[in-house]
């Protein structure tokens, strides 16, 4: 069943032009990613615990960098 609406799927996942991370946010995300990758490689993080581990690591790094 079609609703007659035209949907542009090409731009659906593109960030807006005004979206830009601050240097601190960029460093925090990159560092968190590297640490979580190491946890995955070591078997300390699984898909079931990914969100919790990423959030915890991110908050610790952010807190450390903003002190």
PDB file of N, CA and C in Angstrom:
ATOM      1  N   UNK A   1       0.848  -1.173   0.000  1.00  0.00           N
ATOM      2  CA  UNK A   1       0.000   0.000   0.000  1.00  0.00           C
ATOM      3  C   UNK A   1       0.893   1.234   0.000  1.00  0.00           C
ATOM      4  N   UNK A   2       0.678   2.122  -0.924  1.00  0.00           N
ATOM      5  CA  UNK A   2       1.484   3.327  -1.059  1.00  0.00           C
ATOM      6  C   UNK A   2       0.711   4.520  -0.526  1.00  0.00           C
ATOM      7  N   UNK A   3       1.438   5.414   0.183  1.00  0.00           N
ATOM      8  CA  UNK A   3       0.798   6.612   0.726  1.00  0.00           C
ATOM      9  C   UNK A   3       0.898   7.784  -0.228  1.00  0.00           C
ATOM     10  N   UNK A   4       1.675   7.616  -1.310  1.00  0.00           N
ATOM     11  CA  UNK A   4       1.820   8.688  -2.279  1.00  0.00           C
ATOM     12  C   UNK A   4       2.896   9.688  -1.904  1.00  0.00           C
ATOM     13  N   UNK A   5       3.577   9.479  -0.778  1.00  0.00           N
ATOM     14  CA  UNK A   5       4.640  10.398  -0.356  1.00  0.00           C
ATOM     15  C   UNK A   5       5.955   9.979  -0.992  1.00  0.00           C
ATOM     16  N   UNK A   6       6.736  10.965  -1.386  1.00  0.00           N
ATOM     17  CA  UNK A   6       8.059  10.697  -1.928  1.00  0.00           C
ATOM     18  C   UNK A   6       9.064  10.879  -0.791  1.00  0.00           C
ATOM     19  N   UNK A   7       9.888   9.882  -0.587  1.00  0.00           N
ATOM     20  CA  UNK A   7      10.858   9.920   0.495  1.00  0.00           C
ATOM     21  C   UNK A   7      12.257   9.946  -0.107  1.00  0.00           C
ATOM     22  N   UNK A   8      13.080  10.872   0.358  1.00  0.00           N
ATOM     23  CA  UNK A   8      14.459  10.960  -0.095  1.00  0.00           C
ATOM     24  C   UNK A   8      15.329  10.170   0.873  1.00  0.00           C
ATOM     25  N   UNK A   9      15.706   8.946   0.501  1.00  0.00           N
ATOM     26  CA  UNK A   9      16.498   8.095   1.371  1.00  0.00           C
ATOM     27  C   UNK A   9      17.986   8.430   1.336  1.00  0.00           C
ATOM     28  N   UNK A  10      18.422   9.155   0.330  1.00  0.00           N
ATOM     29  CA  UNK A  10      19.839   9.470   0.208  1.00  0.00           C
ATOM     30  C   UNK A  10      20.328  10.347   1.353  1.00  0.00           C
ATOM     31  N   UNK A  11      19.553  11.297   1.789  1.00  0.00           N
ATOM     32  CA  UNK A  11      19.982  12.230   2.820  1.00  0.00           C
ATOM     33  C   UNK A  11      19.530  11.829   4.219  1.00  0.00           C
ATOM     34  N   UNK A  12      18.901  10.689   4.353  1.00  0.00           N
ATOM     35  CA  UNK A  12      18.333  10.280   5.634  1.00  0.00           C
ATOM     36  C   UNK A  12      19.390  10.148   6.727  1.00  0.00           C
ATOM     37  N   UNK A  13      20.551   9.566   6.402  1.00  0.00           N
ATOM     38  CA  UNK A  13      21.569   9.315   7.408  1.00  0.00           C
ATOM     39  C   UNK A  13      22.704  10.328   7.409  1.00  0.00           C
ATOM     40  N   UNK A  14      22.605  11.356   6.597  1.00  0.00           N
ATOM     41  CA  UNK A  14      23.649  12.369   6.558  1.00  0.00           C
ATOM     42  C   UNK A  14      23.447  13.348   7.708  1.00  0.00           C
ATOM     43  N   UNK A  15      24.541  13.716   8.397  1.00  0.00           N
ATOM     44  CA  UNK A  15      24.396  14.711   9.461  1.00  0.00           C
ATOM     45  C   UNK A  15      24.063  16.076   8.866  1.00  0.00           C
ATOM     46  N   UNK A  16      23.470  16.921   9.674  1.00  0.00           N
ATOM     47  CA  UNK A  16      23.141  18.255   9.196  1.00  0.00           C
ATOM     48  C   UNK A  16      24.430  19.047   9.017  1.00  0.00           C
ATOM     49  N   UNK A  17      24.358  20.111   8.264  1.00  0.00           N
ATOM     50  CA  UNK A  17      25.545  20.930   8.000  1.00  0.00           C
ATOM     51  C   UNK A  17      26.095  21.564   9.266  1.00  0.00           C
ATOM     52  N   UNK A  18      25.252  21.857  10.234  1.00  0.00           N
ATOM     53  CA  UNK A  18      25.674  22.523  11.459  1.00  0.00           C
ATOM     54  C   UNK A  18      26.230  21.565  12.500  1.00  0.00           C
ATOM     55  N   UNK A  19      26.188  20.274  12.240  1.00  0.00           N
ATOM     56  CA  UNK A  19      26.647  19.282  13.206  1.00  0.00           C
ATOM     57  C   UNK A  19      28.154  19.137  13.123  1.00  0.00           C
ATOM     58  N   UNK A  20      28.844  19.499  14.218  1.00  0.00           N
ATOM     59  CA  UNK A  20      30.290  19.355  14.271  1.00  0.00           C
ATOM     60  C   UNK A  20      30.672  19.110  15.721  1.00  0.00           C
ATOM     61  N   UNK A  21      31.523  18.104  15.917  1.00  0.00           N
ATOM     62  CA  UNK A  21      31.988  17.802  17.260  1.00  0.00           C
ATOM     63  C   UNK A  21      33.060  18.791  17.677  1.00  0.00           C
ATOM     64  N   UNK A  22      33.077  19.100  18.960  1.00  0.00           N
ATOM     65  CA  UNK A  22      34.164  19.923  19.476  1.00  0.00           C
ATOM     66  C   UNK A  22      35.417  19.056  19.504  1.00  0.00           C
ATOM     67  N   UNK A  23      36.595  19.660  19.567  1.00  0.00           N
ATOM     68  CA  UNK A  23      37.822  18.857  19.635  1.00  0.00           C
ATOM     69  C   UNK A  23      37.832  17.915  20.842  1.00  0.00           C
ATOM     70  N   UNK A  24      37.311  18.356  21.973  1.00  0.00           N
ATOM     71  CA  UNK A  24      37.260  17.510  23.165  1.00  0.00           C
ATOM     72  C   UNK A  24      36.334  16.317  22.954  1.00  0.00           C
ATOM     73  N   UNK A  25      35.174  16.545  22.335  1.00  0.00           N
ATOM     74  CA  UNK A  25      34.243  15.445  22.056  1.00  0.00           C
ATOM     75  C   UNK A  25      34.843  14.454  21.071  1.00  0.00           C
ATOM     76  N   UNK A  26      35.551  14.966  20.080  1.00  0.00           N
ATOM     77  CA  UNK A  26      36.166  14.094  19.080  1.00  0.00           C
ATOM     78  C   UNK A  26      37.243  13.212  19.718  1.00  0.00           C
ATOM     79  N   UNK A  27      38.078  13.795  20.557  1.00  0.00           N
ATOM     80  CA  UNK A  27      39.123  13.034  21.247  1.00  0.00           C
ATOM     81  C   UNK A  27      38.496  11.998  22.174  1.00  0.00           C
ATOM     82  N   UNK A  28      37.446  12.395  22.877  1.00  0.00           N
ATOM     83  CA  UNK A  28      36.775  11.484  23.803  1.00  0.00           C
ATOM     84  C   UNK A  28      36.189  10.289  23.069  1.00  0.00           C
ATOM     85  N   UNK A  29      35.513  10.518  21.955  1.00  0.00           N
ATOM     86  CA  UNK A  29      34.922   9.424  21.186  1.00  0.00           C
ATOM     87  C   UNK A  29      35.984   8.505  20.585  1.00  0.00           C
ATOM     88  N   UNK A  30      37.044   9.082  20.036  1.00  0.00           N
ATOM     89  CA  UNK A  30      38.096   8.264  19.427  1.00  0.00           C
ATOM     90  C   UNK A  30      38.800   7.405  20.475  1.00  0.00           C
ATOM     91  N   UNK A  31      39.080   7.996  21.640  1.00  0.00           N
ATOM     92  CA  UNK A  31      39.743   7.248  22.709  1.00  0.00           C
ATOM     93  C   UNK A  31      38.842   6.138  23.227  1.00  0.00           C
ATOM     94  N   UNK A  32      37.573   6.448  23.415  1.00  0.00           N
ATOM     95  CA  UNK A  32      36.608   5.446  23.874  1.00  0.00           C
ATOM     96  C   UNK A  32      36.541   4.288  22.884  1.00  0.00           C
ATOM     97  N   UNK A  33      36.482   4.618  21.605  1.00  0.00           N
ATOM     98  CA  UNK A  33      36.417   3.590  20.561  1.00  0.00           C
ATOM     99  C   UNK A  33      37.626   2.658  20.636  1.00  0.00           C
ATOM    100  N   UNK A  34      38.812   3.221  20.763  1.00  0.00           N
ATOM    101  CA  UNK A  34      40.025   2.401  20.812  1.00  0.00           C
ATOM    102  C   UNK A  34      40.037   1.485  22.032  1.00  0.00           C
ATOM    103  N   UNK A  35      39.620   1.996  23.175  1.00  0.00           N
ATOM    104  CA  UNK A  35      39.602   1.184  24.395  1.00  0.00           C
ATOM    105  C   UNK A  35      38.575   0.063  24.283  1.00  0.00           C
ATOM    106  N   UNK A  36      37.383   0.388  23.790  1.00  0.00           N
ATOM    107  CA  UNK A  36      36.336  -0.632  23.658  1.00  0.00           C
ATOM    108  C   UNK A  36      36.745  -1.693  22.635  1.00  0.00           C
ATOM    109  N   UNK A  37      37.430  -1.288  21.564  1.00  0.00           N
ATOM    110  CA  UNK A  37      37.934  -2.271  20.596  1.00  0.00           C
ATOM    111  C   UNK A  37      38.887  -3.237  21.282  1.00  0.00           C
ATOM    112  N   UNK A  38      39.773  -2.727  22.127  1.00  0.00           N
ATOM    113  CA  UNK A  38      40.700  -3.597  22.864  1.00  0.00           C
ATOM    114  C   UNK A  38      39.932  -4.545  23.780  1.00  0.00           C
ATOM    115  N   UNK A  39      38.890  -4.044  24.446  1.00  0.00           N
ATOM    116  CA  UNK A  39      38.067  -4.899  25.311  1.00  0.00           C
ATOM    117  C   UNK A  39      37.406  -6.014  24.496  1.00  0.00           C
ATOM    118  N   UNK A  40      36.933  -5.692  23.306  1.00  0.00           N
ATOM    119  CA  UNK A  40      36.307  -6.694  22.442  1.00  0.00           C
ATOM    120  C   UNK A  40      37.337  -7.744  22.030  1.00  0.00           C
ATOM    121  N   UNK A  41      38.529  -7.286  21.626  1.00  0.00           N
ATOM    122  CA  UNK A  41      39.590  -8.208  21.217  1.00  0.00           C
ATOM    123  C   UNK A  41      40.009  -9.141  22.351  1.00  0.00           C
ATOM    124  N   UNK A  42      39.970  -8.642  23.579  1.00  0.00           N
ATOM    125  CA  UNK A  42      40.362  -9.440  24.745  1.00  0.00           C
ATOM    126  C   UNK A  42      39.220 -10.305  25.263  1.00  0.00           C
ATOM    127  N   UNK A  43      38.027 -10.127  24.710  1.00  0.00           N
ATOM    128  CA  UNK A  43      36.879 -10.913  25.141  1.00  0.00           C
ATOM    129  C   UNK A  43      36.190 -10.363  26.377  1.00  0.00           C
ATOM    130  N   UNK A  44      36.506  -9.132  26.755  1.00  0.00           N
ATOM    131  CA  UNK A  44      35.891  -8.524  27.942  1.00  0.00           C
ATOM    132  C   UNK A  44      34.613  -7.747  27.615  1.00  0.00           C
ATOM    133  N   UNK A  45      34.299  -7.629  26.339  1.00  0.00           N
ATOM    134  CA  UNK A  45      33.092  -6.922  25.908  1.00  0.00           C
ATOM    135  C   UNK A  45      32.439  -7.746  24.809  1.00  0.00           C
ATOM    136  N   UNK A  46      31.130  -7.898  24.906  1.00  0.00           N
ATOM    137  CA  UNK A  46      30.367  -8.643  23.910  1.00  0.00           C
ATOM    138  C   UNK A  46      29.245  -7.746  23.388  1.00  0.00           C
ATOM    139  N   UNK A  47      28.549  -8.171  22.348  1.00  0.00           N
ATOM    140  CA  UNK A  47      27.422  -7.365  21.867  1.00  0.00           C
ATOM    141  C   UNK A  47      26.379  -7.093  22.961  1.00  0.00           C
ATOM    142  N   UNK A  48      26.230  -8.031  23.881  1.00  0.00           N
ATOM    143  CA  UNK A  48      25.244  -7.852  24.955  1.00  0.00           C
ATOM    144  C   UNK A  48      25.665  -6.768  25.949  1.00  0.00           C
ATOM    145  N   UNK A  49      26.962  -6.558  26.120  1.00  0.00           N
ATOM    146  CA  UNK A  49      27.442  -5.581  27.106  1.00  0.00           C
ATOM    147  C   UNK A  49      28.037  -4.335  26.463  1.00  0.00           C
ATOM    148  N   UNK A  50      27.996  -4.262  25.135  1.00  0.00           N
ATOM    149  CA  UNK A  50      28.646  -3.154  24.429  1.00  0.00           C
ATOM    150  C   UNK A  50      28.162  -1.787  24.906  1.00  0.00           C
ATOM    151  N   UNK A  51      26.865  -1.579  24.946  1.00  0.00           N
ATOM    152  CA  UNK A  51      26.322  -0.256  25.307  1.00  0.00           C
ATOM    153  C   UNK A  51      26.767   0.164  26.698  1.00  0.00           C
ATOM    154  N   UNK A  52      26.679  -0.740  27.644  1.00  0.00           N
ATOM    155  CA  UNK A  52      27.074  -0.431  29.020  1.00  0.00           C
ATOM    156  C   UNK A  52      28.567  -0.111  29.104  1.00  0.00           C
ATOM    157  N   UNK A  53      29.395  -0.940  28.464  1.00  0.00           N
ATOM    158  CA  UNK A  53      30.847  -0.731  28.502  1.00  0.00           C
ATOM    159  C   UNK A  53      31.215   0.578  27.815  1.00  0.00           C
ATOM    160  N   UNK A  54      30.653   0.836  26.638  1.00  0.00           N
ATOM    161  CA  UNK A  54      30.971   2.066  25.914  1.00  0.00           C
ATOM    162  C   UNK A  54      30.591   3.289  26.738  1.00  0.00           C
ATOM    163  N   UNK A  55      29.411   3.265  27.337  1.00  0.00           N
ATOM    164  CA  UNK A  55      28.944   4.388  28.141  1.00  0.00           C
ATOM    165  C   UNK A  55      29.844   4.618  29.349  1.00  0.00           C
ATOM    166  N   UNK A  56      30.235   3.556  30.028  1.00  0.00           N
ATOM    167  CA  UNK A  56      31.103   3.690  31.198  1.00  0.00           C
ATOM    168  C   UNK A  56      32.481   4.224  30.823  1.00  0.00           C
ATOM    169  N   UNK A  57      33.071   3.672  29.779  1.00  0.00           N
ATOM    170  CA  UNK A  57      34.392   4.126  29.344  1.00  0.00           C
ATOM    171  C   UNK A  57      34.317   5.587  28.903  1.00  0.00           C
ATOM    172  N   UNK A  58      33.292   5.937  28.136  1.00  0.00           N
ATOM    173  CA  UNK A  58      33.125   7.309  27.660  1.00  0.00           C
ATOM    174  C   UNK A  58      33.029   8.291  28.825  1.00  0.00           C
ATOM    175  N   UNK A  59      32.228   7.954  29.826  1.00  0.00           N
ATOM    176  CA  UNK A  59      32.047   8.886  30.945  1.00  0.00           C
ATOM    177  C   UNK A  59      33.332   9.049  31.756  1.00  0.00           C
ATOM    178  N   UNK A  60      34.097   7.985  31.914  1.00  0.00           N
ATOM    179  CA  UNK A  60      35.366   8.079  32.652  1.00  0.00           C
ATOM    180  C   UNK A  60      36.365   8.946  31.881  1.00  0.00           C
ATOM    181  N   UNK A  61      36.457   8.742  30.583  1.00  0.00           N
ATOM    182  CA  UNK A  61      37.390   9.536  29.773  1.00  0.00           C
ATOM    183  C   UNK A  61      36.971  11.006  29.760  1.00  0.00           C
ATOM    184  N   UNK A  62      35.676  11.255  29.593  1.00  0.00           N
ATOM    185  CA  UNK A  62      35.185  12.641  29.557  1.00  0.00           C
ATOM    186  C   UNK A  62      35.458  13.332  30.896  1.00  0.00           C
ATOM    187  N   UNK A  63      35.195  12.638  31.983  1.00  0.00           N
ATOM    188  CA  UNK A  63      35.449  13.207  33.308  1.00  0.00           C
ATOM    189  C   UNK A  63      36.931  13.508  33.493  1.00  0.00           C
ATOM    190  N   UNK A  64      37.782  12.600  33.037  1.00  0.00           N
ATOM    191  CA  UNK A  64      39.226  12.779  33.166  1.00  0.00           C
ATOM    192  C   UNK A  64      39.726  13.973  32.332  1.00  0.00           C
ATOM    193  N   UNK A  65      39.221  14.102  31.124  1.00  0.00           N
ATOM    194  CA  UNK A  65      39.663  15.180  30.252  1.00  0.00           C
ATOM    195  C   UNK A  65      39.156  16.556  30.684  1.00  0.00           C
ATOM    196  N   UNK A  66      38.036  16.601  31.376  1.00  0.00           N
ATOM    197  CA  UNK A  66      37.476  17.897  31.774  1.00  0.00           C
ATOM    198  C   UNK A  66      37.968  18.354  33.152  1.00  0.00           C
ATOM    199  N   UNK A  67      38.743  17.523  33.830  1.00  0.00           N
ATOM    200  CA  UNK A  67      39.290  17.946  35.126  1.00  0.00           C
ATOM    201  C   UNK A  67      40.388  18.941  34.953  1.00  0.00           C
TER     202      UNK A  67
END
